[in-house]
Amino acid sequence: MPTQEERLIVLEGVMKTSIQDNSHNITILQGVVGSQGQDIKKIFVRLDSIDVRLHIIDVRLDGMDRRMDGLERRMEGLERRMEGLEKHMEGVEVCLGELENRMDGLDSRMGELENRMDGLDSRMGELENSVAVIGQDVSQIKHALGDSTNLLAEILARLPVTA
């Protein structure tokens, strides 16, 4: 069994090794903590940059919200105008329906007029024939009157002249 002094020497050796290991580990840990500190500083710098960008995005989104509100108001105005136009178009459709009915009436009246014109055409043909016949009759009467005039002139020429 080892003596107390031997045990103390072994314990001092173990402690010295343990202290050196701890010192080495602390040095490594300090390096890691220092590196992490720098990384944390970089993260804070990036966070500040992100905050600035987010602020810019917020400003842009606010502008877009205002634009969207303006567009919504314009759309509401356009919708009201469209509703007015739809009502107007309904009135126009009613007027067109009435006009179509009137045009149908005119079409039927035009058909009647065409039929009457066809009748007038045939009557005009008959009238033309009658006028032609009357013209012939007038020519015959004229010829007969010419003959009668000549006959009367001969008769007058034969009559004694009394004075």
N, C-alpha and C. Protein backbone atom coordinates (compact mmCIF):
# COMPACT_ATOMS: atom_id res chain seq x y z
N MET A 1 0.81 -1.16 0.00
CA MET A 1 0.00 0.00 0.00
C MET A 1 0.87 1.24 0.00
N PRO A 2 0.51 2.19 -0.84
CA PRO A 2 1.36 3.36 -0.96
C PRO A 2 1.23 4.24 0.29
N THR A 3 2.24 4.95 0.53
CA THR A 3 2.26 5.84 1.68
C THR A 3 1.52 7.10 1.33
N GLN A 4 1.37 7.86 2.36
CA GLN A 4 0.60 9.09 2.19
C GLN A 4 1.34 10.05 1.31
N GLU A 5 2.63 10.08 1.39
CA GLU A 5 3.42 10.99 0.58
C GLU A 5 3.34 10.56 -0.88
N GLU A 6 3.39 9.31 -1.14
CA GLU A 6 3.28 8.82 -2.50
C GLU A 6 1.90 9.16 -3.06
N ARG A 7 0.94 8.99 -2.22
CA ARG A 7 -0.43 9.29 -2.63
C ARG A 7 -0.57 10.76 -2.92
N LEU A 8 0.08 11.62 -2.11
CA LEU A 8 0.03 13.07 -2.33
C LEU A 8 0.73 13.42 -3.62
N ILE A 9 1.82 12.77 -3.91
CA ILE A 9 2.56 13.06 -5.13
C ILE A 9 1.70 12.68 -6.34
N VAL A 10 1.05 11.51 -6.27
CA VAL A 10 0.18 11.07 -7.36
C VAL A 10 -0.98 12.06 -7.50
N LEU A 11 -1.54 12.46 -6.35
CA LEU A 11 -2.66 13.40 -6.36
C LEU A 11 -2.22 14.74 -6.91
N GLU A 12 -1.02 15.22 -6.58
CA GLU A 12 -0.52 16.49 -7.10
C GLU A 12 -0.33 16.37 -8.62
N GLY A 13 0.14 15.22 -9.10
CA GLY A 13 0.34 15.00 -10.54
C GLY A 13 -0.99 15.01 -11.27
N VAL A 14 -1.97 14.34 -10.67
CA VAL A 14 -3.31 14.30 -11.28
C VAL A 14 -3.89 15.70 -11.31
N MET A 15 -3.70 16.43 -10.23
CA MET A 15 -4.25 17.79 -10.13
C MET A 15 -3.56 18.71 -11.13
N LYS A 16 -2.24 18.53 -11.27
CA LYS A 16 -1.49 19.37 -12.20
C LYS A 16 -1.97 19.10 -13.62
N THR A 17 -2.15 17.85 -13.97
CA THR A 17 -2.64 17.48 -15.28
C THR A 17 -4.05 18.02 -15.47
N SER A 18 -4.86 17.89 -14.46
CA SER A 18 -6.25 18.35 -14.51
C SER A 18 -6.29 19.86 -14.68
N ILE A 19 -5.39 20.58 -13.96
CA ILE A 19 -5.34 22.05 -14.06
C ILE A 19 -4.87 22.43 -15.45
N GLN A 20 -3.89 21.73 -15.99
CA GLN A 20 -3.42 22.04 -17.34
C GLN A 20 -4.53 21.79 -18.37
N ASP A 21 -5.21 20.66 -18.18
CA ASP A 21 -6.33 20.36 -19.10
C ASP A 21 -7.42 21.43 -19.00
N ASN A 22 -7.71 21.81 -17.75
CA ASN A 22 -8.74 22.86 -17.55
C ASN A 22 -8.27 24.18 -18.15
N SER A 23 -7.00 24.49 -17.97
CA SER A 23 -6.46 25.72 -18.52
C SER A 23 -6.55 25.70 -20.04
N HIS A 24 -6.19 24.57 -20.61
CA HIS A 24 -6.28 24.41 -22.05
C HIS A 24 -7.74 24.54 -22.51
N ASN A 25 -8.64 23.87 -21.81
CA ASN A 25 -10.07 23.94 -22.15
C ASN A 25 -10.61 25.36 -21.99
N ILE A 26 -10.19 26.07 -20.96
CA ILE A 26 -10.63 27.46 -20.73
C ILE A 26 -10.13 28.33 -21.86
N THR A 27 -8.90 28.11 -22.32
CA THR A 27 -8.35 28.89 -23.43
C THR A 27 -9.19 28.65 -24.69
N ILE A 28 -9.48 27.38 -24.94
CA ILE A 28 -10.33 27.05 -26.10
C ILE A 28 -11.70 27.70 -25.95
N LEU A 29 -12.27 27.60 -24.75
CA LEU A 29 -13.59 28.18 -24.47
C LEU A 29 -13.57 29.69 -24.64
N GLN A 30 -12.48 30.34 -24.23
CA GLN A 30 -12.37 31.78 -24.42
C GLN A 30 -12.32 32.14 -25.90
N GLY A 31 -11.59 31.32 -26.67
CA GLY A 31 -11.54 31.55 -28.12
C GLY A 31 -12.92 31.38 -28.74
N VAL A 32 -13.61 30.33 -28.31
CA VAL A 32 -14.96 30.07 -28.85
C VAL A 32 -15.89 31.20 -28.44
N VAL A 33 -15.85 31.62 -27.19
CA VAL A 33 -16.71 32.71 -26.70
C VAL A 33 -16.37 34.00 -27.44
N GLY A 34 -15.10 34.27 -27.66
CA GLY A 34 -14.69 35.47 -28.39
C GLY A 34 -15.22 35.43 -29.83
N SER A 35 -15.09 34.26 -30.45
CA SER A 35 -15.60 34.10 -31.82
C SER A 35 -17.11 34.27 -31.86
N GLN A 36 -17.77 33.68 -30.86
CA GLN A 36 -19.22 33.81 -30.80
C GLN A 36 -19.63 35.25 -30.52
N GLY A 37 -18.84 35.96 -29.74
CA GLY A 37 -19.11 37.37 -29.48
C GLY A 37 -19.06 38.17 -30.78
N GLN A 38 -18.04 37.86 -31.60
CA GLN A 38 -17.95 38.55 -32.89
C GLN A 38 -19.15 38.18 -33.78
N ASP A 39 -19.50 36.88 -33.74
CA ASP A 39 -20.66 36.45 -34.52
C ASP A 39 -21.93 37.15 -34.04
N ILE A 40 -22.06 37.30 -32.73
CA ILE A 40 -23.23 37.98 -32.16
C ILE A 40 -23.24 39.43 -32.61
N LYS A 41 -22.06 40.09 -32.61
CA LYS A 41 -21.99 41.48 -33.09
C LYS A 41 -22.43 41.55 -34.54
N LYS A 42 -21.94 40.59 -35.38
CA LYS A 42 -22.35 40.56 -36.78
C LYS A 42 -23.87 40.35 -36.89
N ILE A 43 -24.39 39.49 -36.03
CA ILE A 43 -25.84 39.25 -36.03
C ILE A 43 -26.59 40.53 -35.70
N PHE A 44 -26.11 41.29 -34.71
CA PHE A 44 -26.76 42.55 -34.34
C PHE A 44 -26.70 43.55 -35.50
N VAL A 45 -25.54 43.57 -36.18
CA VAL A 45 -25.42 44.46 -37.34
C VAL A 45 -26.42 44.05 -38.41
N ARG A 46 -26.51 42.76 -38.66
CA ARG A 46 -27.47 42.26 -39.65
C ARG A 46 -28.90 42.53 -39.20
N LEU A 47 -29.17 42.36 -37.93
CA LEU A 47 -30.52 42.66 -37.41
C LEU A 47 -30.87 44.13 -37.62
N ASP A 48 -29.88 45.00 -37.39
CA ASP A 48 -30.11 46.43 -37.64
C ASP A 48 -30.43 46.65 -39.12
N SER A 49 -29.68 45.98 -39.99
CA SER A 49 -29.93 46.10 -41.43
C SER A 49 -31.32 45.56 -41.77
N ILE A 50 -31.67 44.44 -41.15
CA ILE A 50 -33.00 43.86 -41.38
C ILE A 50 -34.08 44.81 -40.88
N ASP A 51 -33.85 45.44 -39.72
CA ASP A 51 -34.82 46.42 -39.19
C ASP A 51 -35.02 47.56 -40.18
N VAL A 52 -33.91 48.05 -40.76
CA VAL A 52 -34.01 49.14 -41.74
C VAL A 52 -34.82 48.66 -42.95
N ARG A 53 -34.49 47.48 -43.43
CA ARG A 53 -35.22 46.94 -44.59
C ARG A 53 -36.69 46.73 -44.27
N LEU A 54 -36.97 46.20 -43.09
CA LEU A 54 -38.37 46.00 -42.70
C LEU A 54 -39.11 47.33 -42.61
N HIS A 55 -38.42 48.35 -42.13
CA HIS A 55 -39.03 49.68 -42.07
C HIS A 55 -39.36 50.18 -43.48
N ILE A 56 -38.40 49.97 -44.40
CA ILE A 56 -38.64 50.38 -45.79
C ILE A 56 -39.83 49.61 -46.37
N ILE A 57 -39.87 48.31 -46.08
CA ILE A 57 -40.99 47.49 -46.55
C ILE A 57 -42.30 47.98 -45.95
N ASP A 58 -42.29 48.32 -44.64
CA ASP A 58 -43.50 48.86 -43.99
C ASP A 58 -43.95 50.14 -44.68
N VAL A 59 -42.99 51.01 -44.99
CA VAL A 59 -43.34 52.26 -45.67
C VAL A 59 -43.96 51.97 -47.02
N ARG A 60 -43.33 51.05 -47.76
CA ARG A 60 -43.87 50.68 -49.07
C ARG A 60 -45.25 50.06 -48.96
N LEU A 61 -45.42 49.19 -47.97
CA LEU A 61 -46.73 48.56 -47.77
C LEU A 61 -47.78 49.60 -47.40
N ASP A 62 -47.40 50.58 -46.59
CA ASP A 62 -48.34 51.66 -46.27
C ASP A 62 -48.74 52.41 -47.54
N GLY A 63 -47.76 52.69 -48.39
CA GLY A 63 -48.05 53.35 -49.67
C GLY A 63 -48.96 52.49 -50.53
N MET A 64 -48.71 51.19 -50.55
CA MET A 64 -49.55 50.29 -51.33
C MET A 64 -50.96 50.24 -50.75
N ASP A 65 -51.05 50.26 -49.41
CA ASP A 65 -52.37 50.29 -48.78
C ASP A 65 -53.14 51.53 -49.21
N ARG A 66 -52.46 52.68 -49.22
CA ARG A 66 -53.13 53.91 -49.64
C ARG A 66 -53.57 53.80 -51.10
N ARG A 67 -52.69 53.27 -51.93
CA ARG A 67 -53.05 53.10 -53.34
C ARG A 67 -54.24 52.15 -53.48
N MET A 68 -54.20 51.06 -52.74
CA MET A 68 -55.30 50.10 -52.81
C MET A 68 -56.60 50.74 -52.34
N ASP A 69 -56.53 51.56 -51.30
CA ASP A 69 -57.73 52.27 -50.84
C ASP A 69 -58.25 53.18 -51.95
N GLY A 70 -57.34 53.89 -52.62
CA GLY A 70 -57.74 54.76 -53.73
C GLY A 70 -58.36 53.95 -54.86
N LEU A 71 -57.75 52.81 -55.17
CA LEU A 71 -58.29 51.96 -56.23
C LEU A 71 -59.66 51.41 -55.85
N GLU A 72 -59.82 51.05 -54.59
CA GLU A 72 -61.12 50.56 -54.14
C GLU A 72 -62.18 51.65 -54.29
N ARG A 73 -61.83 52.89 -53.94
CA ARG A 73 -62.79 53.99 -54.09
C ARG A 73 -63.14 54.18 -55.56
N ARG A 74 -62.11 54.12 -56.41
CA ARG A 74 -62.37 54.27 -57.84
C ARG A 74 -63.24 53.12 -58.35
N MET A 75 -62.96 51.91 -57.89
CA MET A 75 -63.76 50.76 -58.31
C MET A 75 -65.21 50.92 -57.86
N GLU A 76 -65.41 51.43 -56.64
CA GLU A 76 -66.78 51.66 -56.17
C GLU A 76 -67.48 52.67 -57.06
N GLY A 77 -66.76 53.73 -57.44
CA GLY A 77 -67.33 54.72 -58.34
C GLY A 77 -67.67 54.10 -59.70
N LEU A 78 -66.77 53.26 -60.20
CA LEU A 78 -67.01 52.60 -61.48
C LEU A 78 -68.20 51.64 -61.38
N GLU A 79 -68.30 50.96 -60.25
CA GLU A 79 -69.43 50.06 -60.06
C GLU A 79 -70.75 50.83 -60.07
N ARG A 80 -70.76 52.00 -59.41
CA ARG A 80 -71.98 52.82 -59.41
C ARG A 80 -72.31 53.26 -60.83
N ARG A 81 -71.28 53.67 -61.57
CA ARG A 81 -71.50 54.09 -62.95
C ARG A 81 -72.02 52.92 -63.79
N MET A 82 -71.46 51.73 -63.58
CA MET A 82 -71.91 50.56 -64.32
C MET A 82 -73.36 50.24 -64.00
N GLU A 83 -73.73 50.37 -62.73
CA GLU A 83 -75.13 50.13 -62.34
C GLU A 83 -76.04 51.13 -63.06
N GLY A 84 -75.61 52.40 -63.12
CA GLY A 84 -76.38 53.41 -63.84
C GLY A 84 -76.49 53.07 -65.31
N LEU A 85 -75.37 52.62 -65.89
CA LEU A 85 -75.39 52.24 -67.31
C LEU A 85 -76.29 51.03 -67.54
N GLU A 86 -76.28 50.08 -66.60
CA GLU A 86 -77.14 48.91 -66.74
C GLU A 86 -78.61 49.34 -66.73
N LYS A 87 -78.96 50.25 -65.83
CA LYS A 87 -80.35 50.74 -65.79
C LYS A 87 -80.68 51.45 -67.10
N HIS A 88 -79.74 52.27 -67.58
CA HIS A 88 -79.95 52.98 -68.84
C HIS A 88 -80.13 51.98 -69.99
N MET A 89 -79.30 50.94 -69.99
CA MET A 89 -79.38 49.93 -71.04
C MET A 89 -80.72 49.19 -70.98
N GLU A 90 -81.25 48.98 -69.78
CA GLU A 90 -82.55 48.35 -69.67
C GLU A 90 -83.60 49.23 -70.34
N GLY A 91 -83.51 50.56 -70.11
CA GLY A 91 -84.42 51.49 -70.77
C GLY A 91 -84.25 51.46 -72.27
N VAL A 92 -83.01 51.37 -72.72
CA VAL A 92 -82.74 51.32 -74.16
C VAL A 92 -83.33 50.03 -74.74
N GLU A 93 -83.19 48.93 -74.00
CA GLU A 93 -83.73 47.66 -74.48
C GLU A 93 -85.26 47.75 -74.61
N VAL A 94 -85.91 48.41 -73.64
CA VAL A 94 -87.36 48.59 -73.72
C VAL A 94 -87.70 49.40 -74.96
N CYS A 95 -86.97 50.51 -75.16
CA CYS A 95 -87.21 51.35 -76.34
C CYS A 95 -86.98 50.57 -77.62
N LEU A 96 -85.94 49.76 -77.65
CA LEU A 96 -85.66 48.96 -78.85
C LEU A 96 -86.77 47.93 -79.08
N GLY A 97 -87.30 47.37 -78.00
CA GLY A 97 -88.43 46.44 -78.14
C GLY A 97 -89.63 47.14 -78.74
N GLU A 98 -89.92 48.35 -78.24
CA GLU A 98 -91.04 49.12 -78.78
C GLU A 98 -90.77 49.46 -80.24
N LEU A 99 -89.55 49.87 -80.54
CA LEU A 99 -89.19 50.21 -81.92
C LEU A 99 -89.33 48.99 -82.83
N GLU A 100 -88.93 47.84 -82.31
CA GLU A 100 -89.05 46.61 -83.10
C GLU A 100 -90.51 46.30 -83.39
N ASN A 101 -91.37 46.50 -82.39
CA ASN A 101 -92.81 46.29 -82.60
C ASN A 101 -93.34 47.25 -83.65
N ARG A 102 -92.91 48.51 -83.56
CA ARG A 102 -93.34 49.49 -84.55
C ARG A 102 -92.83 49.12 -85.94
N MET A 103 -91.58 48.65 -86.00
CA MET A 103 -91.02 48.25 -87.28
C MET A 103 -91.79 47.06 -87.86
N ASP A 104 -92.22 46.13 -86.99
CA ASP A 104 -93.04 45.01 -87.47
C ASP A 104 -94.34 45.54 -88.06
N GLY A 105 -94.95 46.52 -87.39
CA GLY A 105 -96.17 47.14 -87.91
C GLY A 105 -95.91 47.81 -89.25
N LEU A 106 -94.78 48.51 -89.35
CA LEU A 106 -94.43 49.15 -90.62
C LEU A 106 -94.19 48.11 -91.71
N ASP A 107 -93.57 46.99 -91.34
CA ASP A 107 -93.35 45.93 -92.32
C ASP A 107 -94.68 45.42 -92.88
N SER A 108 -95.64 45.21 -91.99
CA SER A 108 -96.94 44.71 -92.47
C SER A 108 -97.63 45.76 -93.34
N ARG A 109 -97.52 47.04 -92.92
CA ARG A 109 -98.11 48.10 -93.73
C ARG A 109 -97.41 48.21 -95.08
N MET A 110 -96.09 48.03 -95.08
CA MET A 110 -95.35 48.06 -96.34
C MET A 110 -95.80 46.91 -97.24
N GLY A 111 -96.06 45.75 -96.64
CA GLY A 111 -96.56 44.60 -97.42
C GLY A 111 -97.90 44.95 -98.05
N GLU A 112 -98.78 45.57 -97.25
CA GLU A 112 -100.08 45.98 -97.79
C GLU A 112 -99.89 46.98 -98.93
N LEU A 113 -99.00 47.96 -98.73
CA LEU A 113 -98.75 48.95 -99.78
C LEU A 113 -98.19 48.30 -101.04
N GLU A 114 -97.31 47.33 -100.88
CA GLU A 114 -96.77 46.63 -102.03
C GLU A 114 -97.88 45.91 -102.79
N ASN A 115 -98.78 45.27 -102.05
CA ASN A 115 -99.92 44.60 -102.70
C ASN A 115 -100.77 45.61 -103.45
N ARG A 116 -101.01 46.75 -102.81
CA ARG A 116 -101.82 47.78 -103.46
C ARG A 116 -101.10 48.32 -104.70
N MET A 117 -99.77 48.46 -104.60
CA MET A 117 -99.00 48.94 -105.75
C MET A 117 -99.07 47.92 -106.89
N ASP A 118 -99.01 46.63 -106.54
CA ASP A 118 -99.16 45.61 -107.58
C ASP A 118 -100.51 45.76 -108.27
N GLY A 119 -101.56 46.02 -107.46
CA GLY A 119 -102.90 46.23 -108.02
C GLY A 119 -102.91 47.47 -108.90
N LEU A 120 -102.23 48.54 -108.45
CA LEU A 120 -102.16 49.76 -109.25
C LEU A 120 -101.41 49.53 -110.56
N ASP A 121 -100.36 48.68 -110.49
CA ASP A 121 -99.62 48.37 -111.71
C ASP A 121 -100.55 47.73 -112.74
N SER A 122 -101.36 46.77 -112.32
CA SER A 122 -102.26 46.12 -113.27
C SER A 122 -103.31 47.11 -113.77
N ARG A 123 -103.80 47.97 -112.88
CA ARG A 123 -104.79 48.97 -113.29
C ARG A 123 -104.17 49.97 -114.26
N MET A 124 -102.89 50.32 -114.00
CA MET A 124 -102.19 51.24 -114.91
C MET A 124 -102.06 50.61 -116.29
N GLY A 125 -101.79 49.31 -116.33
CA GLY A 125 -101.72 48.61 -117.62
C GLY A 125 -103.06 48.68 -118.35
N GLU A 126 -104.12 48.45 -117.58
CA GLU A 126 -105.46 48.53 -118.18
C GLU A 126 -105.73 49.94 -118.67
N LEU A 127 -105.34 50.96 -117.86
CA LEU A 127 -105.55 52.35 -118.23
C LEU A 127 -104.76 52.70 -119.49
N GLU A 128 -103.52 52.21 -119.57
CA GLU A 128 -102.71 52.45 -120.76
C GLU A 128 -103.39 51.86 -121.99
N ASN A 129 -103.93 50.65 -121.84
CA ASN A 129 -104.65 50.02 -122.97
C ASN A 129 -105.87 50.86 -123.35
N SER A 130 -106.60 51.33 -122.32
CA SER A 130 -107.79 52.14 -122.58
C SER A 130 -107.41 53.43 -123.28
N VAL A 131 -106.31 54.07 -122.84
CA VAL A 131 -105.85 55.31 -123.46
C VAL A 131 -105.46 55.04 -124.90
N ALA A 132 -104.80 53.91 -125.14
CA ALA A 132 -104.41 53.55 -126.51
C ALA A 132 -105.66 53.40 -127.38
N VAL A 133 -106.69 52.74 -126.83
CA VAL A 133 -107.94 52.55 -127.57
C VAL A 133 -108.58 53.90 -127.82
N ILE A 134 -108.59 54.77 -126.78
CA ILE A 134 -109.17 56.11 -126.94
C ILE A 134 -108.38 56.89 -127.98
N GLY A 135 -107.08 56.75 -127.99
CA GLY A 135 -106.23 57.41 -128.99
C GLY A 135 -106.62 56.97 -130.40
N GLN A 136 -106.84 55.68 -130.55
CA GLN A 136 -107.26 55.17 -131.85
C GLN A 136 -108.63 55.73 -132.23
N ASP A 137 -109.52 55.75 -131.22
CA ASP A 137 -110.86 56.30 -131.47
C ASP A 137 -110.76 57.77 -131.87
N VAL A 138 -109.90 58.53 -131.18
CA VAL A 138 -109.74 59.95 -131.49
C VAL A 138 -109.19 60.09 -132.91
N SER A 139 -108.23 59.24 -133.28
CA SER A 139 -107.67 59.29 -134.63
C SER A 139 -108.77 59.01 -135.66
N GLN A 140 -109.63 58.05 -135.37
CA GLN A 140 -110.73 57.72 -136.29
C GLN A 140 -111.71 58.89 -136.38
N ILE A 141 -112.02 59.49 -135.17
CA ILE A 141 -112.94 60.63 -135.16
C ILE A 141 -112.32 61.78 -135.93
N LYS A 142 -111.03 62.01 -135.74
CA LYS A 142 -110.33 63.07 -136.43
C LYS A 142 -110.39 62.86 -137.95
N HIS A 143 -110.15 61.64 -138.31
CA HIS A 143 -110.19 61.30 -139.74
C HIS A 143 -111.62 61.51 -140.29
N ALA A 144 -112.59 61.06 -139.49
CA ALA A 144 -113.99 61.22 -139.91
C ALA A 144 -114.35 62.70 -139.97
N LEU A 145 -113.87 63.50 -139.01
CA LEU A 145 -114.13 64.94 -139.02
C LEU A 145 -113.46 65.58 -140.23
N GLY A 146 -112.28 65.13 -140.56
CA GLY A 146 -111.59 65.64 -141.74
C GLY A 146 -112.41 65.37 -142.99
N ASP A 147 -112.91 64.14 -143.06
CA ASP A 147 -113.75 63.77 -144.21
C ASP A 147 -115.02 64.61 -144.21
N SER A 148 -115.62 64.82 -143.00
CA SER A 148 -116.85 65.61 -142.88
C SER A 148 -116.58 67.05 -143.26
N THR A 149 -115.44 67.58 -142.87
CA THR A 149 -115.10 68.96 -143.18
C THR A 149 -114.95 69.11 -144.69
N ASN A 150 -114.34 68.18 -145.32
CA ASN A 150 -114.16 68.22 -146.77
C ASN A 150 -115.53 68.15 -147.47
N LEU A 151 -116.40 67.30 -146.96
CA LEU A 151 -117.73 67.15 -147.52
C LEU A 151 -118.52 68.43 -147.37
N LEU A 152 -118.44 69.05 -146.20
CA LEU A 152 -119.15 70.30 -145.95
C LEU A 152 -118.59 71.40 -146.85
N ALA A 153 -117.31 71.42 -147.06
CA ALA A 153 -116.71 72.42 -147.92
C ALA A 153 -117.20 72.24 -149.36
N GLU A 154 -117.34 71.01 -149.81
CA GLU A 154 -117.85 70.74 -151.15
C GLU A 154 -119.31 71.19 -151.26
N ILE A 155 -120.07 70.89 -150.20
CA ILE A 155 -121.49 71.26 -150.20
C ILE A 155 -121.59 72.77 -150.22
N LEU A 156 -120.83 73.46 -149.45
CA LEU A 156 -120.87 74.92 -149.41
C LEU A 156 -120.42 75.49 -150.75
N ALA A 157 -119.52 74.87 -151.36
CA ALA A 157 -119.04 75.36 -152.64
C ALA A 157 -120.13 75.20 -153.71
N ARG A 158 -120.99 74.29 -153.61
CA ARG A 158 -122.03 74.05 -154.55
C ARG A 158 -123.24 74.93 -154.32
N LEU A 159 -123.42 75.40 -153.22
CA LEU A 159 -124.58 76.23 -152.91
C LEU A 159 -124.41 77.60 -153.59
N PRO A 160 -125.55 78.15 -154.10
CA PRO A 160 -125.44 79.45 -154.71
C PRO A 160 -125.16 80.49 -153.67
N VAL A 161 -124.54 81.46 -154.07
CA VAL A 161 -124.18 82.54 -153.15
C VAL A 161 -125.31 83.56 -153.26
N THR A 162 -125.93 83.93 -152.30
CA THR A 162 -126.98 84.93 -152.25
C THR A 162 -126.42 86.12 -151.51
N ALA A 163 -126.83 87.19 -152.11
CA ALA A 163 -126.28 88.36 -151.47
C ALA A 163 -127.30 89.34 -151.10
